[in-house]
Amino acid sequence: MFEKTQLAPAVRPPTKEAILKQADEMRDLSRRARRLKGSVTDEGDRRRLSRYVEELEESATRLEKTAAGAKTG
């Protein structure tokens, strides 16, 4: 007669540790890209890698700031 409505599962916000792990992974990618940039000969590729490094560093910094306000898991 009556249909049961399904509730959306509760999504927990990411923990401080998970956010910091993500930031650490981004910094690791940034270090790798920076090393790769040193061995690339094409100037366009070097510029692209430089932008990638900057974007990764900015994202990692934002994540670290977010982690400062997150709850410990």
Protein backbone atom coordinates (compact mmCIF):
# COMPACT_ATOMS: atom_id res chain seq x y z
CA MET A 1 0.00 0.00 0.00
CA PHE A 2 2.57 2.58 1.09
CA GLU A 3 5.96 2.63 -0.47
CA LYS A 4 8.99 3.07 1.71
CA THR A 5 11.08 6.07 0.84
CA GLN A 6 14.76 5.53 0.90
CA LEU A 7 16.83 8.01 2.79
CA ALA A 8 20.11 9.11 1.39
CA PRO A 9 22.99 7.64 3.35
CA ALA A 10 24.59 10.06 5.77
CA VAL A 11 27.87 11.30 4.37
CA ARG A 12 30.45 12.08 6.98
CA PRO A 13 32.84 14.93 6.32
CA PRO A 14 36.44 13.87 5.72
CA THR A 15 38.62 13.61 8.80
CA LYS A 16 41.61 15.79 9.50
CA GLU A 17 43.91 12.84 8.82
CA ALA A 18 42.30 12.11 5.44
CA ILE A 19 42.61 15.75 4.38
CA LEU A 20 46.26 15.92 5.46
CA LYS A 21 46.97 12.67 3.60
CA GLN A 22 45.54 14.22 0.43
CA ALA A 23 47.68 17.34 0.92
CA ASP A 24 50.77 15.17 1.43
CA GLU A 25 50.03 13.25 -1.77
CA MET A 26 49.70 16.53 -3.68
CA ARG A 27 53.02 17.76 -2.33
CA ASP A 28 54.61 14.46 -3.40
CA LEU A 29 53.24 14.93 -6.94
CA SER A 30 54.54 18.48 -6.88
CA ARG A 31 58.05 17.28 -5.95
CA ARG A 32 57.96 14.71 -8.76
CA ALA A 33 56.81 17.28 -11.31
CA ARG A 34 59.54 19.68 -10.17
CA ARG A 35 62.20 16.98 -10.66
CA LEU A 36 60.76 16.09 -14.06
CA LYS A 37 60.82 19.74 -15.08
CA GLY A 38 64.60 19.73 -14.68
CA SER A 39 65.02 16.98 -17.26
CA VAL A 40 62.52 18.23 -19.86
CA THR A 41 64.06 20.06 -22.81
CA ASP A 42 60.95 21.58 -24.41
CA GLU A 43 60.23 25.06 -23.02
CA GLY A 44 56.44 24.67 -23.38
CA ASP A 45 56.51 21.44 -21.39
CA ARG A 46 58.63 23.12 -18.71
CA ARG A 47 56.14 25.99 -18.39
CA ARG A 48 53.24 23.55 -18.20
CA LEU A 49 54.99 21.56 -15.48
CA SER A 50 55.72 24.80 -13.60
CA ARG A 51 52.03 25.69 -13.64
CA TYR A 52 51.16 22.16 -12.52
CA VAL A 53 53.61 22.44 -9.61
CA GLU A 54 52.08 25.78 -8.57
CA GLU A 55 48.54 24.41 -8.77
CA LEU A 56 49.44 21.36 -6.70
CA GLU A 57 51.16 23.50 -4.06
CA GLU A 58 48.18 25.88 -3.86
CA SER A 59 45.75 22.97 -3.55
CA ALA A 60 47.86 21.36 -0.84
CA THR A 61 47.97 24.64 1.09
CA ARG A 62 44.18 24.99 0.84
CA LEU A 63 43.73 21.43 2.08
CA GLU A 64 46.04 22.06 5.03
CA LYS A 65 44.01 25.13 5.97
CA THR A 66 40.82 23.06 5.69
CA ALA A 67 42.36 20.36 7.87
CA ALA A 68 43.04 22.92 10.58
CA GLY A 69 39.28 23.31 11.00
CA ALA A 70 38.36 19.64 10.53
CA LYS A 71 37.57 17.18 13.27
CA THR A 72 40.04 14.47 14.18
CA GLY A 73 38.82 11.09 12.98
